[in-house]
């Protein structure tokens, strides 16, 4: 009798295993294997905001000349007092904010970015001592800088390499000062300050840190065009005109938050 019960229990066990095997489409597996987790691929598509910090080198070339030069030559007898060429350079730290959006198609990424940068107040100055004895000083200083630029490039793994270029606006000031060491004439100072419009061109690399944070390094060349600053014929000074042209080189790092 006991042997018959054992045979019946074994038959029921085999029938149960066969039924479970049919349910799972094969031999019975009490613990089916779990598929490996899917690794998400980062997408650059979306809006972002962030901040940046870096270094600005400004190079302002100037060309000064008396107007008319014949009157100046008749008084001084030398061209050194009547025309001058040179550069006014300044270096400063800079920082600001940026915002933009990207759209990714395959490995190709395009977008638009706008930023505002505040530069340090390290004004550049050039001083000349012509033969006639008049001290000539030319200086420039920069305030804020705004750029609006499309970005085009390719993504690879967690990086985005791009080229960029667009429009630039900046607050720029120029100062011209004439001083007579003998104090025969009253010192003359003329300052010009305006918002200048130019263009910018650059390149950069951006890298994914986390799901929402990216870090980038960027270089921009900025050309703010040219302006002519006149000084009047007053107090014994002859009239002059100084032509300034402004260029800037910007190297900065930025941290962005992607929504």
C-alpha atoms as a PDB file:
ATOM      1  CA  UNK A   1       0.000   0.000   0.000  1.00  0.00           C
ATOM      2  CA  UNK A   2       2.763   2.449   0.974  1.00  0.00           C
ATOM      3  CA  UNK A   3       4.561   1.782  -2.283  1.00  0.00           C
ATOM      4  CA  UNK A   4       1.370   2.582  -4.226  1.00  0.00           C
ATOM      5  CA  UNK A   5       1.087   5.970  -2.427  1.00  0.00           C
ATOM      6  CA  UNK A   6       4.686   6.812  -3.338  1.00  0.00           C
ATOM      7  CA  UNK A   7       4.035   5.992  -7.002  1.00  0.00           C
ATOM      8  CA  UNK A   8       0.891   8.194  -6.984  1.00  0.00           C
ATOM      9  CA  UNK A   9       2.774  11.171  -5.423  1.00  0.00           C
ATOM     10  CA  UNK A  10       5.554  10.862  -7.983  1.00  0.00           C
ATOM     11  CA  UNK A  11       2.992  10.820 -10.823  1.00  0.00           C
ATOM     12  CA  UNK A  12       1.316  13.993  -9.524  1.00  0.00           C
ATOM     13  CA  UNK A  13       4.724  15.750  -9.287  1.00  0.00           C
ATOM     14  CA  UNK A  14       5.584  14.859 -12.868  1.00  0.00           C
ATOM     15  CA  UNK A  15       2.178  16.039 -14.100  1.00  0.00           C
ATOM     16  CA  UNK A  16       2.591  19.401 -12.302  1.00  0.00           C
ATOM     17  CA  UNK A  17       6.068  19.936 -13.827  1.00  0.00           C
ATOM     18  CA  UNK A  18       4.724  19.163 -17.288  1.00  0.00           C
ATOM     19  CA  UNK A  19       1.871  21.628 -16.855  1.00  0.00           C
ATOM     20  CA  UNK A  20       4.256  24.420 -15.727  1.00  0.00           C
ATOM     21  CA  UNK A  21       6.553  23.621 -18.617  1.00  0.00           C
ATOM     22  CA  UNK A  22       3.684  24.110 -21.053  1.00  0.00           C
ATOM     23  CA  UNK A  23       2.813  27.442 -19.436  1.00  0.00           C
ATOM     24  CA  UNK A  24       6.350  28.827 -19.843  1.00  0.00           C
ATOM     25  CA  UNK A  25       6.805  27.365 -23.310  1.00  0.00           C
ATOM     26  CA  UNK A  26       9.459  24.836 -22.381  1.00  0.00           C
ATOM     27  CA  UNK A  27      11.034  23.115 -19.409  1.00  0.00           C
ATOM     28  CA  UNK A  28       9.880  24.411 -16.073  1.00  0.00           C
ATOM     29  CA  UNK A  29      11.911  27.395 -14.799  1.00  0.00           C
ATOM     30  CA  UNK A  30      10.686  28.468 -11.363  1.00  0.00           C
ATOM     31  CA  UNK A  31      12.798  31.673 -11.509  1.00  0.00           C
ATOM     32  CA  UNK A  32      12.793  33.112 -15.073  1.00  0.00           C
ATOM     33  CA  UNK A  33      15.847  35.207 -15.957  1.00  0.00           C
ATOM     34  CA  UNK A  34      15.429  39.021 -15.771  1.00  0.00           C
ATOM     35  CA  UNK A  35      16.532  40.934 -18.918  1.00  0.00           C
ATOM     36  CA  UNK A  36      19.461  43.353 -18.388  1.00  0.00           C
ATOM     37  CA  UNK A  37      18.492  47.002 -17.755  1.00  0.00           C
ATOM     38  CA  UNK A  38      18.401  49.261 -20.796  1.00  0.00           C
ATOM     39  CA  UNK A  39      21.186  51.906 -20.792  1.00  0.00           C
ATOM     40  CA  UNK A  40      19.669  55.300 -21.602  1.00  0.00           C
ATOM     41  CA  UNK A  41      21.437  57.419 -24.251  1.00  0.00           C
ATOM     42  CA  UNK A  42      21.826  61.124 -23.396  1.00  0.00           C
ATOM     43  CA  UNK A  43      19.941  63.484 -25.693  1.00  0.00           C
ATOM     44  CA  UNK A  44      21.062  67.098 -26.168  1.00  0.00           C
ATOM     45  CA  UNK A  45      17.567  68.152 -27.198  1.00  0.00           C
ATOM     46  CA  UNK A  46      16.007  70.631 -24.768  1.00  0.00           C
ATOM     47  CA  UNK A  47      16.353  73.968 -23.000  1.00  0.00           C
ATOM     48  CA  UNK A  48      19.235  74.865 -20.688  1.00  0.00           C
ATOM     49  CA  UNK A  49      20.475  77.706 -18.467  1.00  0.00           C
ATOM     50  CA  UNK A  50      23.802  78.257 -16.758  1.00  0.00           C
ATOM     51  CA  UNK A  51      26.689  80.498 -15.796  1.00  0.00           C
ATOM     52  CA  UNK A  52      30.217  81.086 -17.071  1.00  0.00           C
ATOM     53  CA  UNK A  53      33.541  82.494 -15.895  1.00  0.00           C
ATOM     54  CA  UNK A  54      36.693  83.285 -17.827  1.00  0.00           C
ATOM     55  CA  UNK A  55      39.261  85.702 -19.200  1.00  0.00           C
ATOM     56  CA  UNK A  56      39.019  88.544 -21.755  1.00  0.00           C
ATOM     57  CA  UNK A  57      41.871  90.094 -23.735  1.00  0.00           C
ATOM     58  CA  UNK A  58      40.931  93.350 -25.518  1.00  0.00           C
ATOM     59  CA  UNK A  59      42.993  94.840 -28.340  1.00  0.00           C
ATOM     60  CA  UNK A  60      41.998  98.338 -29.483  1.00  0.00           C
ATOM     61  CA  UNK A  61      44.034  99.755 -32.380  1.00  0.00           C
ATOM     62  CA  UNK A  62      44.014 103.512 -32.862  1.00  0.00           C
ATOM     63  CA  UNK A  63      45.164 105.959 -35.527  1.00  0.00           C
ATOM     64  CA  UNK A  64      45.421 109.576 -34.335  1.00  0.00           C
ATOM     65  CA  UNK A  65      45.916 112.584 -36.578  1.00  0.00           C
ATOM     66  CA  UNK A  66      45.643 116.372 -36.413  1.00  0.00           C
ATOM     67  CA  UNK A  67      42.955 117.945 -38.579  1.00  0.00           C
ATOM     68  CA  UNK A  68      44.227 119.570 -40.672  1.00  0.00           C
ATOM     69  CA  UNK A  69      47.733 118.135 -40.369  1.00  0.00           C
ATOM     70  CA  UNK A  70      49.319 121.098 -42.227  1.00  0.00           C
ATOM     71  CA  UNK A  71      48.489 123.513 -39.389  1.00  0.00           C
ATOM     72  CA  UNK A  72      49.981 121.127 -36.845  1.00  0.00           C
ATOM     73  CA  UNK A  73      53.180 120.692 -38.862  1.00  0.00           C
ATOM     74  CA  UNK A  74      53.525 124.467 -39.218  1.00  0.00           C
ATOM     75  CA  UNK A  75      53.480 124.851 -35.427  1.00  0.00           C
ATOM     76  CA  UNK A  76      55.434 121.800 -34.261  1.00  0.00           C
ATOM     77  CA  UNK A  77      57.692 121.190 -37.233  1.00  0.00           C
ATOM     78  CA  UNK A  78      57.509 117.415 -36.678  1.00  0.00           C
ATOM     79  CA  UNK A  79      55.029 114.751 -37.734  1.00  0.00           C
ATOM     80  CA  UNK A  80      55.379 112.935 -34.397  1.00  0.00           C
ATOM     81  CA  UNK A  81      53.138 115.532 -32.756  1.00  0.00           C
ATOM     82  CA  UNK A  82      50.583 115.415 -35.543  1.00  0.00           C
ATOM     83  CA  UNK A  83      49.933 111.703 -36.034  1.00  0.00           C
ATOM     84  CA  UNK A  84      50.247 108.594 -33.879  1.00  0.00           C
ATOM     85  CA  UNK A  85      49.428 104.918 -34.306  1.00  0.00           C
ATOM     86  CA  UNK A  86      49.364 102.264 -31.627  1.00  0.00           C
ATOM     87  CA  UNK A  87      47.460  99.703 -29.587  1.00  0.00           C
ATOM     88  CA  UNK A  88      45.559  99.918 -26.330  1.00  0.00           C
ATOM     89  CA  UNK A  89      45.415  96.496 -24.659  1.00  0.00           C
ATOM     90  CA  UNK A  90      43.658  95.343 -21.505  1.00  0.00           C
ATOM     91  CA  UNK A  91      43.194  92.053 -19.663  1.00  0.00           C
ATOM     92  CA  UNK A  92      40.332  91.291 -17.306  1.00  0.00           C
ATOM     93  CA  UNK A  93      38.338  88.520 -15.691  1.00  0.00           C
ATOM     94  CA  UNK A  94      34.742  88.104 -16.818  1.00  0.00           C
ATOM     95  CA  UNK A  95      31.638  86.218 -15.782  1.00  0.00           C
ATOM     96  CA  UNK A  96      27.968  86.006 -16.684  1.00  0.00           C
ATOM     97  CA  UNK A  97      24.909  83.958 -17.565  1.00  0.00           C
ATOM     98  CA  UNK A  98      23.729  82.067 -20.632  1.00  0.00           C
ATOM     99  CA  UNK A  99      20.584  80.281 -21.849  1.00  0.00           C
ATOM    100  CA  UNK A 100      19.626  78.403 -24.971  1.00  0.00           C
ATOM    101  CA  UNK A 101      18.218  75.270 -26.539  1.00  0.00           C
ATOM    102  CA  UNK A 102      19.532  72.346 -28.586  1.00  0.00           C
ATOM    103  CA  UNK A 103      17.947  69.914 -31.019  1.00  0.00           C
ATOM    104  CA  UNK A 104      19.620  66.598 -31.818  1.00  0.00           C
ATOM    105  CA  UNK A 105      19.114  64.557 -35.006  1.00  0.00           C
ATOM    106  CA  UNK A 106      21.247  61.426 -34.865  1.00  0.00           C
ATOM    107  CA  UNK A 107      24.739  62.648 -34.013  1.00  0.00           C
ATOM    108  CA  UNK A 108      24.084  66.122 -35.438  1.00  0.00           C
ATOM    109  CA  UNK A 109      23.204  68.856 -32.911  1.00  0.00           C
ATOM    110  CA  UNK A 110      22.103  72.420 -33.629  1.00  0.00           C
ATOM    111  CA  UNK A 111      20.861  75.134 -31.302  1.00  0.00           C
ATOM    112  CA  UNK A 112      20.771  78.799 -30.325  1.00  0.00           C
ATOM    113  CA  UNK A 113      22.457  80.437 -27.337  1.00  0.00           C
ATOM    114  CA  UNK A 114      22.326  83.922 -25.849  1.00  0.00           C
ATOM    115  CA  UNK A 115      24.587  85.189 -23.080  1.00  0.00           C
ATOM    116  CA  UNK A 116      25.502  88.307 -21.155  1.00  0.00           C
ATOM    117  CA  UNK A 117      29.011  88.852 -19.770  1.00  0.00           C
ATOM    118  CA  UNK A 118      30.290  91.475 -17.343  1.00  0.00           C
ATOM    119  CA  UNK A 119      33.979  92.293 -17.728  1.00  0.00           C
ATOM    120  CA  UNK A 120      36.417  93.707 -15.194  1.00  0.00           C
ATOM    121  CA  UNK A 121      37.348  97.389 -15.138  1.00  0.00           C
ATOM    122  CA  UNK A 122      40.963  96.968 -16.213  1.00  0.00           C
ATOM    123  CA  UNK A 123      41.195  99.906 -18.625  1.00  0.00           C
ATOM    124  CA  UNK A 124      43.987  99.901 -21.194  1.00  0.00           C
ATOM    125  CA  UNK A 125      46.075 103.013 -21.758  1.00  0.00           C
ATOM    126  CA  UNK A 126      48.813 104.114 -24.181  1.00  0.00           C
ATOM    127  CA  UNK A 127      50.947 107.212 -23.488  1.00  0.00           C
ATOM    128  CA  UNK A 128      53.082 109.045 -26.055  1.00  0.00           C
ATOM    129  CA  UNK A 129      55.624 111.827 -25.542  1.00  0.00           C
ATOM    130  CA  UNK A 130      56.193 113.479 -28.950  1.00  0.00           C
ATOM    131  CA  UNK A 131      59.082 115.843 -29.676  1.00  0.00           C
ATOM    132  CA  UNK A 132      56.955 118.954 -29.157  1.00  0.00           C
ATOM    133  CA  UNK A 133      56.401 117.931 -25.537  1.00  0.00           C
ATOM    134  CA  UNK A 134      52.656 117.275 -25.504  1.00  0.00           C
ATOM    135  CA  UNK A 135      51.672 114.163 -23.550  1.00  0.00           C
ATOM    136  CA  UNK A 136      49.068 112.167 -25.484  1.00  0.00           C
ATOM    137  CA  UNK A 137      47.029 109.500 -23.669  1.00  0.00           C
ATOM    138  CA  UNK A 138      44.626 107.058 -25.343  1.00  0.00           C
ATOM    139  CA  UNK A 139      42.566 104.635 -23.241  1.00  0.00           C
ATOM    140  CA  UNK A 140      39.636 102.242 -23.617  1.00  0.00           C
ATOM    141  CA  UNK A 141      37.412 100.314 -21.208  1.00  0.00           C
ATOM    142  CA  UNK A 142      34.652  97.745 -21.630  1.00  0.00           C
ATOM    143  CA  UNK A 143      31.487  97.072 -19.655  1.00  0.00           C
ATOM    144  CA  UNK A 144      28.984  94.375 -20.574  1.00  0.00           C
ATOM    145  CA  UNK A 145      28.963  92.109 -23.625  1.00  0.00           C
ATOM    146  CA  UNK A 146      25.911  90.330 -25.122  1.00  0.00           C
ATOM    147  CA  UNK A 147      26.066  87.696 -27.861  1.00  0.00           C
ATOM    148  CA  UNK A 148      23.373  85.764 -29.728  1.00  0.00           C
ATOM    149  CA  UNK A 149      24.783  82.766 -31.586  1.00  0.00           C
ATOM    150  CA  UNK A 150      23.653  79.552 -33.272  1.00  0.00           C
ATOM    151  CA  UNK A 151      25.684  76.458 -32.389  1.00  0.00           C
ATOM    152  CA  UNK A 152      26.302  73.603 -34.837  1.00  0.00           C
ATOM    153  CA  UNK A 153      28.208  70.402 -34.166  1.00  0.00           C
ATOM    154  CA  UNK A 154      28.294  66.668 -33.532  1.00  0.00           C
ATOM    155  CA  UNK A 155      27.805  64.587 -30.419  1.00  0.00           C
ATOM    156  CA  UNK A 156      30.001  61.612 -29.591  1.00  0.00           C
ATOM    157  CA  UNK A 157      29.519  59.477 -26.484  1.00  0.00           C
ATOM    158  CA  UNK A 158      29.010  62.148 -23.761  1.00  0.00           C
ATOM    159  CA  UNK A 159      30.617  65.039 -25.645  1.00  0.00           C
ATOM    160  CA  UNK A 160      29.385  67.748 -28.021  1.00  0.00           C
ATOM    161  CA  UNK A 161      31.923  69.501 -30.290  1.00  0.00           C
ATOM    162  CA  UNK A 162      30.586  72.627 -31.964  1.00  0.00           C
ATOM    163  CA  UNK A 163      31.294  75.806 -33.922  1.00  0.00           C
ATOM    164  CA  UNK A 164      29.426  79.025 -33.177  1.00  0.00           C
ATOM    165  CA  UNK A 165      29.058  82.562 -34.497  1.00  0.00           C
ATOM    166  CA  UNK A 166      26.606  85.423 -34.447  1.00  0.00           C
ATOM    167  CA  UNK A 167      25.922  88.990 -33.344  1.00  0.00           C
ATOM    168  CA  UNK A 168      27.651  90.828 -30.469  1.00  0.00           C
ATOM    169  CA  UNK A 169      26.713  94.002 -28.591  1.00  0.00           C
ATOM    170  CA  UNK A 170      29.007  95.714 -26.092  1.00  0.00           C
ATOM    171  CA  UNK A 171      29.423  98.818 -23.969  1.00  0.00           C
ATOM    172  CA  UNK A 172      32.762 100.434 -24.934  1.00  0.00           C
ATOM    173  CA  UNK A 173      34.365 103.709 -23.795  1.00  0.00           C
ATOM    174  CA  UNK A 174      37.343 105.594 -25.253  1.00  0.00           C
ATOM    175  CA  UNK A 175      39.201 108.519 -23.667  1.00  0.00           C
ATOM    176  CA  UNK A 176      41.670 110.894 -25.322  1.00  0.00           C
ATOM    177  CA  UNK A 177      43.722 113.266 -23.182  1.00  0.00           C
ATOM    178  CA  UNK A 178      46.290 115.956 -24.108  1.00  0.00           C
ATOM    179  CA  UNK A 179      48.506 117.450 -21.433  1.00  0.00           C
ATOM    180  CA  UNK A 180      51.156 120.172 -21.696  1.00  0.00           C
ATOM    181  CA  UNK A 181      53.958 119.573 -19.126  1.00  0.00           C
ATOM    182  CA  UNK A 182      54.788 123.290 -19.192  1.00  0.00           C
ATOM    183  CA  UNK A 183      51.152 124.138 -18.318  1.00  0.00           C
ATOM    184  CA  UNK A 184      50.921 126.647 -21.165  1.00  0.00           C
ATOM    185  CA  UNK A 185      47.636 125.093 -22.307  1.00  0.00           C
ATOM    186  CA  UNK A 186      44.781 123.790 -20.196  1.00  0.00           C
ATOM    187  CA  UNK A 187      44.623 119.964 -20.284  1.00  0.00           C
ATOM    188  CA  UNK A 188      42.048 118.621 -22.735  1.00  0.00           C
ATOM    189  CA  UNK A 189      40.116 115.381 -22.203  1.00  0.00           C
ATOM    190  CA  UNK A 190      37.426 113.947 -24.464  1.00  0.00           C
ATOM    191  CA  UNK A 191      35.504 110.753 -23.665  1.00  0.00           C
ATOM    192  CA  UNK A 192      33.245 108.728 -25.958  1.00  0.00           C
ATOM    193  CA  UNK A 193      30.999 105.937 -24.684  1.00  0.00           C
ATOM    194  CA  UNK A 194      28.434 103.961 -26.688  1.00  0.00           C
ATOM    195  CA  UNK A 195      26.902 100.569 -27.325  1.00  0.00           C
ATOM    196  CA  UNK A 196      28.742  98.952 -30.199  1.00  0.00           C
ATOM    197  CA  UNK A 197      27.426  96.243 -32.534  1.00  0.00           C
ATOM    198  CA  UNK A 198      29.729  93.655 -34.077  1.00  0.00           C
ATOM    199  CA  UNK A 199      30.120  89.960 -34.737  1.00  0.00           C
ATOM    200  CA  UNK A 200      31.620  86.944 -33.006  1.00  0.00           C
ATOM    201  CA  UNK A 201      32.987  83.566 -34.051  1.00  0.00           C
ATOM    202  CA  UNK A 202      34.247  80.673 -31.957  1.00  0.00           C
ATOM    203  CA  UNK A 203      34.312  77.004 -31.011  1.00  0.00           C
ATOM    204  CA  UNK A 204      33.781  74.863 -27.941  1.00  0.00           C
ATOM    205  CA  UNK A 205      33.404  71.436 -26.352  1.00  0.00           C
ATOM    206  CA  UNK A 206      30.576  70.481 -23.969  1.00  0.00           C
ATOM    207  CA  UNK A 207      30.530  67.318 -21.826  1.00  0.00           C
ATOM    208  CA  UNK A 208      27.754  65.528 -19.931  1.00  0.00           C
ATOM    209  CA  UNK A 209      28.380  65.303 -16.169  1.00  0.00           C
ATOM    210  CA  UNK A 210      24.995  64.013 -14.982  1.00  0.00           C
ATOM    211  CA  UNK A 211      21.477  63.651 -16.365  1.00  0.00           C
ATOM    212  CA  UNK A 212      20.929  67.418 -16.095  1.00  0.00           C
ATOM    213  CA  UNK A 213      24.415  68.973 -15.755  1.00  0.00           C
ATOM    214  CA  UNK A 214      26.906  69.681 -18.530  1.00  0.00           C
ATOM    215  CA  UNK A 215      30.286  71.424 -18.518  1.00  0.00           C
ATOM    216  CA  UNK A 216      31.830  73.312 -21.444  1.00  0.00           C
ATOM    217  CA  UNK A 217      34.954  75.173 -22.475  1.00  0.00           C
ATOM    218  CA  UNK A 218      34.639  77.864 -25.144  1.00  0.00           C
ATOM    219  CA  UNK A 219      36.698  80.370 -27.138  1.00  0.00           C
ATOM    220  CA  UNK A 220      35.155  83.422 -28.829  1.00  0.00           C
ATOM    221  CA  UNK A 221      36.669  86.064 -31.088  1.00  0.00           C
ATOM    222  CA  UNK A 222      34.692  89.328 -31.042  1.00  0.00           C
ATOM    223  CA  UNK A 223      34.999  92.179 -33.555  1.00  0.00           C
ATOM    224  CA  UNK A 224      33.186  95.352 -32.453  1.00  0.00           C
ATOM    225  CA  UNK A 225      33.942  97.418 -35.534  1.00  0.00           C
ATOM    226  CA  UNK A 226      35.434 100.918 -35.468  1.00  0.00           C
ATOM    227  CA  UNK A 227      34.612 104.438 -34.335  1.00  0.00           C
ATOM    228  CA  UNK A 228      36.193 107.886 -34.816  1.00  0.00           C
ATOM    229  CA  UNK A 229      36.540 110.157 -31.779  1.00  0.00           C
ATOM    230  CA  UNK A 230      37.197 113.876 -32.546  1.00  0.00           C
ATOM    231  CA  UNK A 231      38.671 116.509 -30.239  1.00  0.00           C
ATOM    232  CA  UNK A 232      37.839 120.199 -30.788  1.00  0.00           C
ATOM    233  CA  UNK A 233      40.188 123.093 -31.511  1.00  0.00           C
ATOM    234  CA  UNK A 234      39.908 124.769 -28.109  1.00  0.00           C
ATOM    235  CA  UNK A 235      42.253 126.273 -25.514  1.00  0.00           C
ATOM    236  CA  UNK A 236      45.164 126.460 -27.930  1.00  0.00           C
ATOM    237  CA  UNK A 237      44.865 122.835 -29.043  1.00  0.00           C
ATOM    238  CA  UNK A 238      44.418 121.943 -32.697  1.00  0.00           C
ATOM    239  CA  UNK A 239      41.525 119.740 -33.767  1.00  0.00           C
ATOM    240  CA  UNK A 240      42.213 115.993 -34.011  1.00  0.00           C
ATOM    241  CA  UNK A 241      40.458 112.776 -35.033  1.00  0.00           C
ATOM    242  CA  UNK A 242      41.325 109.344 -33.590  1.00  0.00           C
ATOM    243  CA  UNK A 243      40.099 106.179 -35.274  1.00  0.00           C
ATOM    244  CA  UNK A 244      39.617 103.180 -32.907  1.00  0.00           C
ATOM    245  CA  UNK A 245      38.964  99.564 -33.935  1.00  0.00           C
ATOM    246  CA  UNK A 246      38.151  97.001 -31.228  1.00  0.00           C
ATOM    247  CA  UNK A 247      38.761  93.247 -31.073  1.00  0.00           C
ATOM    248  CA  UNK A 248      38.442  90.823 -28.163  1.00  0.00           C
ATOM    249  CA  UNK A 249      39.516  87.272 -27.361  1.00  0.00           C
ATOM    250  CA  UNK A 250      37.412  85.420 -24.769  1.00  0.00           C
ATOM    251  CA  UNK A 251      38.306  82.100 -23.122  1.00  0.00           C
ATOM    252  CA  UNK A 252      35.769  80.780 -20.604  1.00  0.00           C
ATOM    253  CA  UNK A 253      34.303  77.757 -18.850  1.00  0.00           C
ATOM    254  CA  UNK A 254      30.591  77.223 -18.213  1.00  0.00           C
ATOM    255  CA  UNK A 255      28.212  74.975 -16.281  1.00  0.00           C
ATOM    256  CA  UNK A 256      24.731  74.332 -17.723  1.00  0.00           C
ATOM    257  CA  UNK A 257      21.551  72.813 -16.315  1.00  0.00           C
ATOM    258  CA  UNK A 258      19.511  70.980 -18.950  1.00  0.00           C
ATOM    259  CA  UNK A 259      15.754  70.690 -18.423  1.00  0.00           C
END
